[in-house]
Amino acid sequence: MLLRIDGHEIQPQPGQSLLNLIRLAGLDTPVFSKRPIAAKIAGDVFNLQYVPVRETPEDTPTVRRAMAASGGDIRLLTVSDPTGREVYNRTTQFVIFLALRRLWPRARCKMNCTLGEALYIEVDGTADFDADRLREEIKSIIQADIPLLRRRVSTKEAMAAYAAQGLTDKARLLSWRESPTFDEYYCGDFSDYYYGELAPSTGYLQLWDVRALDHGFLFLFPSDRDPDKLGQWPQLPNLFQVYSEGERWCSLMECENVADLNELTKSGKIRELIRVNEALHEKRFAQIADSICQRGARAVLLAGPSSSGKTTSANRLATQLRVYGKKPIVMSLDDYYRDRDTIVPGPDGQLDLEHINTLDTDLFRSQLGELLQGGTVELPEFNFLTGKREWHGRHMKLEVDSVILVEGLHGLNPALLPEGIDPKAIFRMYVSPLLPLNLDNHNRIPTSYLRLLRRIVRDHETRGASVAHTMSMWDSVRAGERRWIFPYQENADVIFNSSTLFELAVLKKHIYPLLLAVTPEESCYEQVRGVVKILNYVLEADVDDEIPPTSLVREFIGGNTFYRK
């Protein structure tokens, strides 16, 4: 059949890989950000070693199923594309752990967290770890341009092989896999898997660096904004401290990876996990309330990315402040939206509702300053049905023990701070579900993944929105977060980790049927496949009755008492 690769027509020969065809068509390029790293065919992502037309012993070429479904259309992916970037990142993981295995075969190496445009990996079990030696080994592997090959093995064989390598966490995870076979990438006697496609060879990794960090190292990726430049070494001490605290929580609750969670679910001990996790959250809210009162703050500005649990966090903090004799007043920045018809659309003709200019920052800053100085203001209310701000005579004046709690996307933006106000009068809080739970030591579950699950469930439960509708907005939401939230997270006086270790098992019950109903014809199919790949390893838990009505998880699955009138 005739193929169309990014619009270029080419006739494939049996046995030719996509990489061969790309080079024959002149579509390969040395420019890093434009070099094809993978391909999308019929909604799925494929490695460039994929062969569109197979050779057969009968000399009758066979067109692969995905090619037939796509009608011959192939779209190439680069690191400038979000999906291509994921392929690049997975490839770096393979190379990193290959290098670590060669240099320190007995070490326990674990992906810990993402810090900006860098990945922190913890190295334990060796006294002579050296980041410079690691950098040179990675450089050597990349310069060798070693092909990254995939093979299919039985799941039992894979489990035995990983156990023999000392990767018991990966072997335990595979024990929950229902399929009898398993696809893995390998290089010599080293094999591993990263739940998605890799680049064709190690030589595709052109922009990277390694920096030493406590108990491990940072691996720097290409910049998100300019893939032809190396990302910056992030200075995020507060965020890193919260991730470290999350690791301690995992250890305390004996739940460090999905295999641990599954065993707790199967044994019924997940109920105890829920109780302990909720107690840790309550203790943390009490500590934050104590800090606010000790400072004598009169206003708390609470920010966080989408589906981080801002509303529930504000209300639970309000409850704790009442214990101290305070009179909390919960407000939302949403009420300070400008009228929709006054917002100038972007170049694509769409309204960027994540932009700081969608808020009337002058009005908010003026009213907050007036309140803190003892004045009275009339608060606005935004009508989302009409897209306009309304006034209903709701006046406010702070009492002696009043504390304002303002939650919203832009809560940490300096544009909201009144001039001339004592800095101690304002306490800034950042909320985000920084999930410390890993699939296994070599595969972490991104924070954005958990937030996406939460949002899909909430949009479906409360707004009747489809998976496709939620997915269609997610890239825009993420872009807004990178621009308007993440740059200010270190400004916070405290960062609250709103994740819970049990919620993947709980959310699966609510979301899995919705995801399986998405068809290959839908534009979000490839994204959904990525979500499902992780959930396939999670054992569903039917324990909603154990989750308190004030839990952060209730904000998404329903039953949150803070939403009752």
Protein backbone atom coordinates (compact mmCIF):
# COMPACT_ATOMS: atom_id res chain seq x y z
CA MET A 1 0.00 0.00 0.00
CA LEU A 2 1.06 3.61 -0.52
CA LEU A 3 2.05 5.41 2.68
CA ARG A 4 1.75 9.11 3.45
CA ILE A 5 4.36 10.14 6.01
CA ASP A 6 3.62 13.72 7.05
CA GLY A 7 2.09 14.16 3.61
CA HIS A 8 5.03 12.62 1.71
CA GLU A 9 3.98 9.63 -0.34
CA ILE A 10 6.24 6.59 -0.40
CA GLN A 11 5.84 2.97 -1.44
CA PRO A 12 7.19 0.68 1.30
CA GLN A 13 8.96 -2.58 0.64
CA PRO A 14 8.28 -5.60 2.83
CA GLY A 15 10.52 -5.56 5.89
CA GLN A 16 11.41 -1.85 5.71
CA SER A 17 11.11 -0.02 9.03
CA LEU A 18 9.63 3.43 9.48
CA LEU A 19 13.16 4.67 10.13
CA ASN A 20 14.29 3.34 6.72
CA LEU A 21 11.34 4.99 5.01
CA ILE A 22 11.86 8.32 6.79
CA ARG A 23 15.46 8.44 5.63
CA LEU A 24 14.55 7.47 2.07
CA ALA A 25 11.97 10.25 2.01
CA GLY A 26 14.53 12.78 3.26
CA LEU A 27 12.53 13.45 6.43
CA ASP A 28 15.34 12.79 8.91
CA THR A 29 17.20 15.87 10.08
CA PRO A 30 20.11 16.68 12.42
CA VAL A 31 18.10 19.55 13.97
CA PHE A 32 17.26 18.16 17.40
CA SER A 33 13.81 19.71 17.86
CA LYS A 34 12.70 18.64 14.37
CA ARG A 35 14.14 15.12 14.23
CA PRO A 36 11.46 12.39 14.15
CA ILE A 37 11.65 10.26 17.30
CA ALA A 38 8.43 8.19 16.99
CA ALA A 39 5.26 8.02 14.90
CA LYS A 40 1.53 8.11 15.45
CA ILE A 41 -0.57 5.68 13.43
CA ALA A 42 -4.34 5.26 13.86
CA GLY A 43 -4.24 6.94 17.27
CA ASP A 44 -1.37 4.85 18.66
CA VAL A 45 2.32 5.70 19.11
CA PHE A 46 4.90 3.47 17.44
CA ASN A 47 8.66 3.09 17.65
CA LEU A 48 10.45 3.96 14.41
CA GLN A 49 11.67 0.35 14.19
CA TYR A 50 8.05 -0.56 13.38
CA VAL A 51 7.66 -2.36 10.02
CA PRO A 52 4.49 -1.27 8.14
CA VAL A 53 4.54 -4.22 5.70
CA ARG A 54 5.76 -7.56 6.94
CA GLU A 55 7.59 -10.20 4.95
CA THR A 56 6.07 -13.68 5.13
CA PRO A 57 7.44 -17.15 4.30
CA GLU A 58 4.84 -17.38 1.52
CA ASP A 59 6.26 -14.24 -0.13
CA THR A 60 2.91 -12.56 0.38
CA PRO A 61 3.53 -9.20 2.07
CA THR A 62 1.18 -8.48 4.98
CA VAL A 63 0.07 -4.95 5.79
CA ARG A 64 0.10 -4.41 9.54
CA ARG A 65 -3.25 -3.85 11.26
CA ALA A 66 -2.48 -0.29 12.40
CA MET A 67 -1.43 0.69 8.88
CA ALA A 68 -4.63 -0.70 7.43
CA ALA A 69 -6.70 1.14 10.04
CA SER A 70 -4.95 4.45 9.27
CA GLY A 71 -5.33 4.10 5.50
CA GLY A 72 -1.57 4.57 5.17
CA ASP A 73 -1.39 7.89 7.07
CA ILE A 74 1.57 8.34 9.42
CA ARG A 75 2.34 11.41 11.54
CA LEU A 76 5.89 11.85 12.80
CA LEU A 77 6.53 12.98 16.38
CA THR A 78 9.43 15.12 17.60
CA VAL A 79 10.52 16.38 21.02
CA SER A 80 8.57 19.56 20.25
CA ASP A 81 5.40 17.47 20.45
CA PRO A 82 4.20 16.51 23.99
CA THR A 83 3.96 12.84 23.03
CA GLY A 84 7.37 12.92 21.36
CA ARG A 85 8.79 14.53 24.50
CA GLU A 86 7.47 11.59 26.53
CA VAL A 87 9.28 9.19 24.18
CA TYR A 88 12.49 11.16 24.67
CA ASN A 89 12.11 11.14 28.46
CA ARG A 90 11.49 7.40 28.57
CA THR A 91 14.57 6.82 26.42
CA THR A 92 16.69 8.83 28.85
CA GLN A 93 15.38 6.67 31.69
CA PHE A 94 16.49 3.51 29.89
CA VAL A 95 19.97 4.95 29.29
CA ILE A 96 20.27 6.26 32.86
CA PHE A 97 19.45 2.90 34.44
CA LEU A 98 21.63 1.05 31.93
CA ALA A 99 24.57 3.26 32.93
CA LEU A 100 23.83 2.83 36.64
CA ARG A 101 23.65 -0.95 36.23
CA ARG A 102 27.02 -1.00 34.46
CA LEU A 103 28.77 1.12 37.10
CA TRP A 104 27.01 0.14 40.33
CA PRO A 105 25.17 -3.16 39.70
CA ARG A 106 24.26 -3.66 43.37
CA ALA A 107 22.92 -0.16 43.99
CA ARG A 108 19.22 0.52 44.57
CA CYS A 109 18.30 3.31 42.18
CA LYS A 110 14.88 4.93 42.39
CA MET A 111 13.09 7.67 40.46
CA ASN A 112 12.03 10.11 43.14
CA CYS A 113 10.46 13.21 41.62
CA THR A 114 10.48 15.79 38.84
CA LEU A 115 11.82 19.22 39.73
CA GLY A 116 11.11 21.68 36.96
CA GLU A 117 12.88 20.37 33.85
CA ALA A 118 14.94 17.86 35.79
CA LEU A 119 14.47 14.38 37.21
CA TYR A 120 15.80 13.49 40.65
CA ILE A 121 17.00 9.89 41.05
CA GLU A 122 18.02 8.52 44.41
CA VAL A 123 20.98 6.13 44.64
CA ASP A 124 21.34 3.89 47.67
CA GLY A 125 23.41 0.83 48.52
CA THR A 126 26.78 2.05 47.24
CA ALA A 127 29.44 4.18 48.92
CA ASP A 128 31.29 5.26 45.77
CA PHE A 129 28.54 6.85 43.66
CA ASP A 130 29.99 9.64 41.53
CA ALA A 131 27.87 11.90 39.31
CA ASP A 132 30.84 12.67 37.05
CA ARG A 133 31.47 8.96 36.40
CA LEU A 134 27.78 8.52 35.62
CA ARG A 135 27.84 11.46 33.18
CA GLU A 136 30.78 9.93 31.29
CA GLU A 137 29.11 6.50 31.12
CA ILE A 138 25.87 7.99 29.79
CA LYS A 139 27.88 9.99 27.24
CA SER A 140 29.63 6.80 26.12
CA ILE A 141 26.34 4.94 25.69
CA ILE A 142 24.85 7.79 23.65
CA GLN A 143 27.90 8.14 21.42
CA ALA A 144 27.77 4.40 20.68
CA ASP A 145 24.28 4.96 19.20
CA ILE A 146 23.13 1.56 20.43
CA PRO A 147 19.85 0.32 18.88
CA LEU A 148 17.06 0.01 21.43
CA LEU A 149 15.29 -3.21 20.59
CA ARG A 150 12.00 -4.57 21.85
CA ARG A 151 11.08 -8.19 22.37
CA ARG A 152 8.11 -10.12 23.64
CA VAL A 153 8.62 -12.54 26.52
CA SER A 154 6.28 -14.37 28.83
CA THR A 155 5.32 -12.41 31.91
CA LYS A 156 6.64 -15.20 34.12
CA GLU A 157 10.01 -15.12 32.34
CA ALA A 158 10.18 -11.34 32.75
CA MET A 159 9.39 -11.62 36.46
CA ALA A 160 12.12 -14.20 36.96
CA ALA A 161 14.66 -12.15 35.01
CA TYR A 162 13.95 -8.96 36.95
CA ALA A 163 14.09 -10.80 40.26
CA ALA A 164 17.48 -12.22 39.25
CA GLN A 165 18.72 -8.67 38.55
CA GLY A 166 17.58 -7.60 42.01
CA LEU A 167 14.65 -5.62 40.61
CA THR A 168 12.14 -7.25 42.95
CA ASP A 169 9.88 -4.18 42.84
CA LYS A 170 9.41 -4.64 39.09
CA ALA A 171 8.90 -8.39 39.44
CA ARG A 172 6.24 -7.81 42.11
CA LEU A 173 4.45 -5.29 39.90
CA LEU A 174 4.35 -7.75 36.99
CA SER A 175 2.71 -10.33 39.26
CA TRP A 176 -0.43 -8.16 38.99
CA ARG A 177 -0.33 -8.14 35.21
CA GLU A 178 -3.15 -10.18 33.67
CA SER A 179 -1.60 -10.65 30.20
CA PRO A 180 0.57 -13.78 29.82
CA THR A 181 3.11 -11.87 27.70
CA PHE A 182 5.20 -8.77 28.25
CA ASP A 183 7.06 -6.46 25.86
CA GLU A 184 10.39 -5.10 27.08
CA TYR A 185 13.32 -3.15 25.69
CA TYR A 186 16.79 -4.59 26.00
CA CYS A 187 20.45 -3.84 25.40
CA GLY A 188 22.83 -6.76 25.83
CA ASP A 189 21.97 -8.49 29.11
CA PHE A 190 20.09 -5.44 30.43
CA SER A 191 16.34 -5.17 30.00
CA ASP A 192 13.71 -2.78 31.33
CA TYR A 193 10.34 -1.26 30.51
CA TYR A 194 8.90 2.25 30.71
CA TYR A 195 5.23 1.86 29.76
CA GLY A 196 5.53 3.37 26.31
CA GLU A 197 7.71 3.58 23.22
CA LEU A 198 11.40 4.55 23.12
CA ALA A 199 13.55 6.21 20.46
CA PRO A 200 15.19 3.90 17.87
CA SER A 201 18.65 4.19 19.44
CA THR A 202 20.61 5.88 22.24
CA GLY A 203 22.09 8.44 19.82
CA TYR A 204 18.80 10.36 19.79
CA LEU A 205 19.63 11.81 23.22
CA GLN A 206 21.42 15.04 22.34
CA LEU A 207 20.54 17.49 25.13
CA TRP A 208 21.03 16.44 28.73
CA ASP A 209 23.24 16.81 31.77
CA VAL A 210 23.84 15.22 35.18
CA ARG A 211 24.28 17.20 38.42
CA ALA A 212 25.06 15.77 41.84
CA LEU A 213 22.36 16.17 44.51
CA ASP A 214 21.95 14.77 48.03
CA HIS A 215 21.78 10.96 47.96
CA GLY A 216 21.63 10.89 44.15
CA PHE A 217 21.59 13.18 41.14
CA LEU A 218 19.53 15.43 38.90
CA PHE A 219 19.15 14.61 35.21
CA LEU A 220 18.39 17.71 33.15
CA PHE A 221 16.11 17.49 30.10
CA PRO A 222 15.72 19.86 27.13
CA SER A 223 13.82 23.06 27.89
CA ASP A 224 10.03 22.85 27.57
CA ARG A 225 9.87 26.25 25.89
CA ASP A 226 12.86 25.78 23.58
CA PRO A 227 13.71 22.10 23.00
CA ASP A 228 16.99 23.06 21.30
CA LYS A 229 18.29 24.37 24.63
CA LEU A 230 19.06 22.52 27.83
CA GLY A 231 16.65 23.06 30.71
CA GLN A 232 17.78 25.00 33.76
CA TRP A 233 18.88 23.52 37.06
CA PRO A 234 15.84 24.25 39.25
CA GLN A 235 16.22 25.79 42.67
CA LEU A 236 13.13 24.37 44.38
CA PRO A 237 14.15 23.59 47.97
CA ASN A 238 10.63 23.87 49.39
CA LEU A 239 9.12 21.57 46.76
CA PHE A 240 11.96 19.07 47.20
CA GLN A 241 11.38 19.06 50.96
CA VAL A 242 7.70 18.21 50.44
CA TYR A 243 8.60 15.35 48.09
CA SER A 244 11.01 14.06 50.75
CA GLU A 245 8.23 14.26 53.34
CA GLY A 246 6.03 12.25 50.97
CA GLU A 247 8.68 9.56 50.82
CA ARG A 248 8.61 9.36 54.61
CA TRP A 249 4.82 9.03 54.50
CA CYS A 250 5.18 6.11 52.08
CA SER A 251 7.60 4.41 54.43
CA LEU A 252 5.38 5.08 57.46
CA MET A 253 2.33 3.60 55.74
CA GLU A 254 4.32 0.73 54.12
CA CYS A 255 3.07 1.74 50.67
CA GLU A 256 5.93 2.78 48.39
CA ASN A 257 4.71 1.41 45.06
CA VAL A 258 1.66 0.04 43.28
CA ALA A 259 2.49 -3.55 44.26
CA ASP A 260 2.35 -2.49 47.93
CA LEU A 261 -0.98 -0.72 47.33
CA ASN A 262 -2.42 -3.79 45.61
CA GLU A 263 -1.43 -6.04 48.48
CA LEU A 264 -3.05 -3.67 50.97
CA THR A 265 -6.19 -3.61 48.82
CA LYS A 266 -6.33 -7.39 48.52
CA SER A 267 -5.80 -7.95 52.25
CA GLY A 268 -8.32 -5.29 53.25
CA LYS A 269 -5.64 -3.24 55.01
CA ILE A 270 -6.30 -0.38 52.59
CA ARG A 271 -8.97 0.72 55.08
CA GLU A 272 -6.27 1.29 57.67
CA LEU A 273 -4.19 3.06 55.00
CA ILE A 274 -7.11 5.44 54.42
CA ARG A 275 -7.46 6.18 58.12
CA VAL A 276 -3.74 6.85 58.61
CA ASN A 277 -3.48 8.97 55.46
CA GLU A 278 -6.47 11.07 56.48
CA ALA A 279 -5.00 11.49 59.97
CA LEU A 280 -1.72 12.73 58.47
CA HIS A 281 -3.64 15.26 56.38
CA GLU A 282 -5.58 16.47 59.42
CA LYS A 283 -2.38 16.81 61.42
CA ARG A 284 -0.80 18.83 58.61
CA PHE A 285 -3.80 21.18 58.38
CA ALA A 286 -3.57 21.69 62.15
CA GLN A 287 0.14 22.53 61.86
CA ILE A 288 -0.57 25.06 59.10
CA ALA A 289 -3.35 26.66 61.17
CA ASP A 290 -0.89 26.92 64.05
CA SER A 291 1.65 28.70 61.80
CA ILE A 292 -1.00 31.16 60.61
CA CYS A 293 -2.06 31.99 64.15
CA GLN A 294 1.50 32.32 65.45
CA ARG A 295 2.26 34.82 62.71
CA GLY A 296 -0.97 36.71 63.31
CA ALA A 297 -1.91 36.57 59.60
CA ARG A 298 -5.28 38.05 58.64
CA ALA A 299 -5.45 36.61 55.10
CA VAL A 300 -4.43 33.29 53.56
CA LEU A 301 -3.87 33.17 49.79
CA LEU A 302 -4.21 29.56 48.69
CA ALA A 303 -3.19 28.50 45.17
CA GLY A 304 -2.65 25.30 43.26
CA PRO A 305 -3.02 23.70 39.84
CA SER A 306 -6.23 22.19 38.50
CA SER A 307 -7.72 19.35 40.57
CA SER A 308 -5.30 19.82 43.43
CA GLY A 309 -8.09 20.07 46.01
CA LYS A 310 -7.96 23.80 46.71
CA THR A 311 -11.60 24.14 47.77
CA THR A 312 -11.53 21.26 50.25
CA SER A 313 -8.13 22.37 51.56
CA ALA A 314 -9.47 25.88 52.23
CA ASN A 315 -12.47 24.50 54.10
CA ARG A 316 -10.47 22.01 56.16
CA LEU A 317 -8.02 24.74 57.08
CA ALA A 318 -10.97 26.92 58.07
CA THR A 319 -12.15 24.17 60.42
CA GLN A 320 -8.74 24.01 62.08
CA LEU A 321 -8.63 27.79 62.44
CA ARG A 322 -11.93 27.62 64.33
CA VAL A 323 -10.19 25.38 66.87
CA TYR A 324 -7.93 28.38 67.56
CA GLY A 325 -10.93 30.64 68.07
CA LYS A 326 -10.64 32.30 64.67
CA LYS A 327 -13.54 33.28 62.41
CA PRO A 328 -12.48 32.13 58.92
CA ILE A 329 -14.13 33.58 55.82
CA VAL A 330 -13.66 31.48 52.66
CA MET A 331 -13.56 33.43 49.39
CA SER A 332 -12.86 32.43 45.77
CA LEU A 333 -10.75 34.32 43.25
CA ASP A 334 -13.24 33.13 40.64
CA ASP A 335 -15.60 35.89 41.77
CA TYR A 336 -13.06 38.43 40.52
CA TYR A 337 -13.19 37.24 36.91
CA ARG A 338 -13.69 40.03 34.39
CA ASP A 339 -16.82 39.89 32.21
CA ARG A 340 -16.16 37.37 29.47
CA ASP A 341 -17.07 39.85 26.70
CA THR A 342 -14.27 42.18 27.84
CA ILE A 343 -11.51 39.56 27.50
CA VAL A 344 -9.49 39.75 24.28
CA PRO A 345 -9.21 36.32 22.55
CA GLY A 346 -5.79 34.85 21.82
CA PRO A 347 -4.24 34.36 18.37
CA ASP A 348 -6.24 31.13 17.98
CA GLY A 349 -9.52 32.98 18.61
CA GLN A 350 -10.02 31.27 21.97
CA LEU A 351 -10.27 32.80 25.44
CA ASP A 352 -7.30 31.89 27.62
CA LEU A 353 -9.12 31.54 30.93
CA GLU A 354 -5.89 30.57 32.70
CA HIS A 355 -4.36 34.03 32.03
CA ILE A 356 -3.90 36.40 34.99
CA ASN A 357 -5.56 39.16 32.93
CA THR A 358 -8.90 37.33 33.15
CA LEU A 359 -8.98 38.45 36.79
CA ASP A 360 -9.67 42.00 37.92
CA THR A 361 -6.49 42.11 39.97
CA ASP A 362 -6.89 45.85 40.66
CA LEU A 363 -10.29 45.27 42.29
CA PHE A 364 -9.08 42.30 44.35
CA ARG A 365 -5.92 44.07 45.50
CA SER A 366 -7.90 47.17 46.44
CA GLN A 367 -10.58 45.23 48.36
CA LEU A 368 -8.09 43.03 50.21
CA GLY A 369 -6.09 46.07 51.24
CA GLU A 370 -9.26 47.85 52.41
CA LEU A 371 -10.35 44.84 54.47
CA LEU A 372 -6.95 44.44 56.12
CA GLN A 373 -7.03 48.12 57.08
CA GLY A 374 -10.41 47.72 58.79
CA GLY A 375 -12.66 48.98 56.00
CA THR A 376 -15.89 47.58 54.55
CA VAL A 377 -16.23 46.35 50.96
CA GLU A 378 -18.98 44.92 48.78
CA LEU A 379 -17.88 41.56 47.38
CA PRO A 380 -18.63 40.61 43.78
CA GLU A 381 -20.04 37.28 42.58
CA PHE A 382 -19.26 35.87 39.16
CA ASN A 383 -22.13 34.26 37.23
CA PHE A 384 -20.65 31.48 35.11
CA LEU A 385 -23.90 31.06 33.17
CA THR A 386 -23.95 34.66 31.93
CA GLY A 387 -20.18 35.15 32.02
CA LYS A 388 -20.57 38.38 33.97
CA ARG A 389 -19.74 39.75 37.41
CA GLU A 390 -22.73 40.57 39.61
CA TRP A 391 -23.29 42.54 42.81
CA HIS A 392 -25.81 41.34 45.40
CA GLY A 393 -25.15 43.65 48.34
CA ARG A 394 -22.81 41.22 50.10
CA HIS A 395 -20.73 43.48 52.33
CA MET A 396 -17.81 42.41 54.48
CA LYS A 397 -15.83 43.90 57.34
CA LEU A 398 -13.30 41.89 59.31
CA GLU A 399 -13.83 41.28 63.00
CA VAL A 400 -10.98 41.04 65.50
CA ASP A 401 -10.58 37.28 65.03
CA SER A 402 -11.45 37.09 61.32
CA VAL A 403 -9.11 35.36 58.86
CA ILE A 404 -9.80 35.54 55.12
CA LEU A 405 -9.10 32.35 53.12
CA VAL A 406 -8.86 33.11 49.39
CA GLU A 407 -8.48 30.14 47.08
CA GLY A 408 -7.80 30.27 43.37
CA LEU A 409 -5.48 29.50 40.51
CA HIS A 410 -3.42 32.68 40.84
CA GLY A 411 -3.29 32.91 44.62
CA LEU A 412 0.51 33.14 44.77
CA ASN A 413 0.88 35.73 42.02
CA PRO A 414 2.50 38.92 43.40
CA ALA A 415 -0.01 40.97 41.38
CA LEU A 416 -2.61 40.18 44.07
CA LEU A 417 -0.66 41.64 47.00
CA PRO A 418 -1.80 45.08 48.24
CA GLU A 419 0.90 47.74 48.58
CA GLY A 420 1.85 48.98 52.01
CA ILE A 421 0.48 45.97 53.89
CA ASP A 422 2.63 44.29 56.55
CA PRO A 423 3.91 41.08 54.88
CA LYS A 424 3.14 39.16 58.08
CA ALA A 425 -0.56 39.88 57.57
CA ILE A 426 -0.67 37.57 54.54
CA PHE A 427 0.09 33.84 54.61
CA ARG A 428 0.63 32.08 51.27
CA MET A 429 -0.17 28.39 50.79
CA TYR A 430 0.44 26.16 47.77
CA VAL A 431 -1.62 22.97 47.34
CA SER A 432 -0.69 20.19 44.94
CA PRO A 433 -1.08 16.37 44.92
CA LEU A 434 2.62 15.46 44.83
CA LEU A 435 2.06 11.71 44.72
CA PRO A 436 5.15 9.88 46.03
CA LEU A 437 3.81 6.47 44.98
CA ASN A 438 5.80 4.76 42.20
CA LEU A 439 4.81 2.04 39.77
CA ASP A 440 8.23 0.58 40.48
CA ASN A 441 11.65 2.08 41.25
CA HIS A 442 12.25 2.95 37.59
CA ASN A 443 8.76 4.32 36.86
CA ARG A 444 7.13 7.10 38.84
CA ILE A 445 3.52 8.23 38.49
CA PRO A 446 3.52 11.89 37.42
CA THR A 447 1.65 14.42 39.56
CA SER A 448 -0.21 15.56 36.44
CA TYR A 449 -1.46 11.98 35.93
CA LEU A 450 -3.24 11.93 39.29
CA ARG A 451 -4.72 15.37 38.70
CA LEU A 452 -6.00 14.29 35.28
CA LEU A 453 -7.74 11.26 36.82
CA ARG A 454 -9.33 13.47 39.45
CA ARG A 455 -10.56 15.96 36.87
CA ILE A 456 -12.03 13.31 34.56
CA VAL A 457 -13.97 11.76 37.45
CA ARG A 458 -15.16 15.12 38.81
CA ASP A 459 -16.18 16.49 35.39
CA HIS A 460 -18.15 13.32 34.70
CA GLU A 461 -19.77 13.10 38.15
CA THR A 462 -20.67 16.78 38.59
CA ARG A 463 -20.97 18.15 35.05
CA GLY A 464 -21.78 15.11 32.94
CA ALA A 465 -18.70 15.84 30.81
CA SER A 466 -17.20 13.13 28.62
CA VAL A 467 -13.59 11.94 28.82
CA ALA A 468 -12.97 13.49 25.39
CA HIS A 469 -14.25 16.88 26.58
CA THR A 470 -11.98 16.92 29.62
CA MET A 471 -9.00 15.69 27.61
CA SER A 472 -9.53 18.37 24.95
CA MET A 473 -8.90 21.09 27.55
CA TRP A 474 -6.04 19.43 29.41
CA ASP A 475 -3.13 20.67 27.25
CA SER A 476 -4.39 24.24 27.62
CA VAL A 477 -4.78 23.79 31.38
CA ARG A 478 -1.24 22.42 31.67
CA ALA A 479 0.18 25.26 29.59
CA GLY A 480 -1.53 27.77 31.88
CA GLU A 481 -0.10 26.07 34.97
CA ARG A 482 3.43 26.19 33.61
CA ARG A 483 3.03 29.92 32.94
CA TRP A 484 0.98 31.15 35.88
CA ILE A 485 1.33 28.73 38.79
CA PHE A 486 4.58 26.77 38.87
CA PRO A 487 6.85 29.86 38.65
CA TYR A 488 5.42 31.11 41.96
CA GLN A 489 5.20 27.88 43.97
CA GLU A 490 8.42 28.58 45.87
CA ASN A 491 6.90 31.89 47.06
CA ALA A 492 4.59 29.94 49.36
CA ASP A 493 5.03 29.97 53.12
CA VAL A 494 3.95 26.34 53.10
CA ILE A 495 3.38 23.65 50.46
CA PHE A 496 0.65 21.13 51.26
CA ASN A 497 0.77 17.73 49.56
CA SER A 498 -2.88 16.95 48.81
CA SER A 499 -2.29 13.46 47.39
CA THR A 500 -3.41 10.29 49.14
CA LEU A 501 -1.72 6.94 48.67
CA PHE A 502 -5.00 5.05 48.39
CA GLU A 503 -6.81 7.11 45.77
CA LEU A 504 -5.55 5.39 42.61
CA ALA A 505 -7.30 2.22 43.75
CA VAL A 506 -10.45 4.21 44.59
CA LEU A 507 -10.47 6.34 41.43
CA LYS A 508 -10.11 3.25 39.23
CA LYS A 509 -13.60 2.13 40.23
CA HIS A 510 -15.02 5.45 39.03
CA ILE A 511 -12.90 6.06 35.93
CA TYR A 512 -11.95 2.74 34.34
CA PRO A 513 -15.29 2.08 32.58
CA LEU A 514 -15.22 5.64 31.18
CA LEU A 515 -11.74 5.16 29.75
CA LEU A 516 -12.48 1.78 28.19
CA ALA A 517 -15.46 3.31 26.37
CA VAL A 518 -13.17 5.68 24.40
CA THR A 519 -12.79 4.45 20.80
CA PRO A 520 -9.74 4.71 18.48
CA GLU A 521 -11.65 7.23 16.36
CA GLU A 522 -11.64 9.79 19.18
CA SER A 523 -8.79 12.31 19.23
CA CYS A 524 -8.00 11.57 22.88
CA TYR A 525 -7.55 7.83 22.31
CA GLU A 526 -3.75 7.86 22.51
CA GLN A 527 -3.80 9.88 25.76
CA VAL A 528 -6.38 7.53 27.23
CA ARG A 529 -4.24 4.53 26.32
CA GLY A 530 -1.41 6.04 28.36
CA VAL A 531 -3.71 6.45 31.36
CA VAL A 532 -5.03 2.91 31.06
CA LYS A 533 -1.53 1.39 30.88
CA ILE A 534 -0.88 2.50 34.45
CA LEU A 535 -4.33 1.69 35.80
CA ASN A 536 -4.05 -1.84 34.39
CA TYR A 537 -1.59 -2.56 37.20
CA VAL A 538 -3.79 -1.09 39.96
CA LEU A 539 -6.19 -3.32 41.86
CA GLU A 540 -9.58 -1.63 42.20
CA ALA A 541 -10.76 -0.93 45.76
CA ASP A 542 -14.45 -0.70 46.65
CA VAL A 543 -13.96 1.21 49.91
CA ASP A 544 -15.80 4.50 49.36
CA ASP A 545 -17.61 3.92 52.66
CA GLU A 546 -14.29 4.28 54.51
CA ILE A 547 -13.47 7.70 53.04
CA PRO A 548 -14.54 10.58 55.34
CA PRO A 549 -16.95 13.20 53.94
CA THR A 550 -14.28 15.89 54.43
CA SER A 551 -11.55 13.96 52.56
CA LEU A 552 -9.83 15.64 49.65
CA VAL A 553 -10.74 12.61 47.54
CA ARG A 554 -14.45 13.39 48.16
CA GLU A 555 -14.04 16.61 46.16
CA PHE A 556 -13.72 14.39 43.08
CA ILE A 557 -15.75 11.23 43.67
CA GLY A 558 -18.63 13.05 45.39
CA GLY A 559 -20.03 13.10 48.92
CA ASN A 560 -17.98 16.10 50.10
CA THR A 561 -19.88 17.78 52.95
CA PHE A 562 -18.30 21.16 52.22
CA TYR A 563 -20.41 21.35 49.05
CA ARG A 564 -23.71 20.84 50.88
CA LYS A 565 -25.87 23.89 51.33
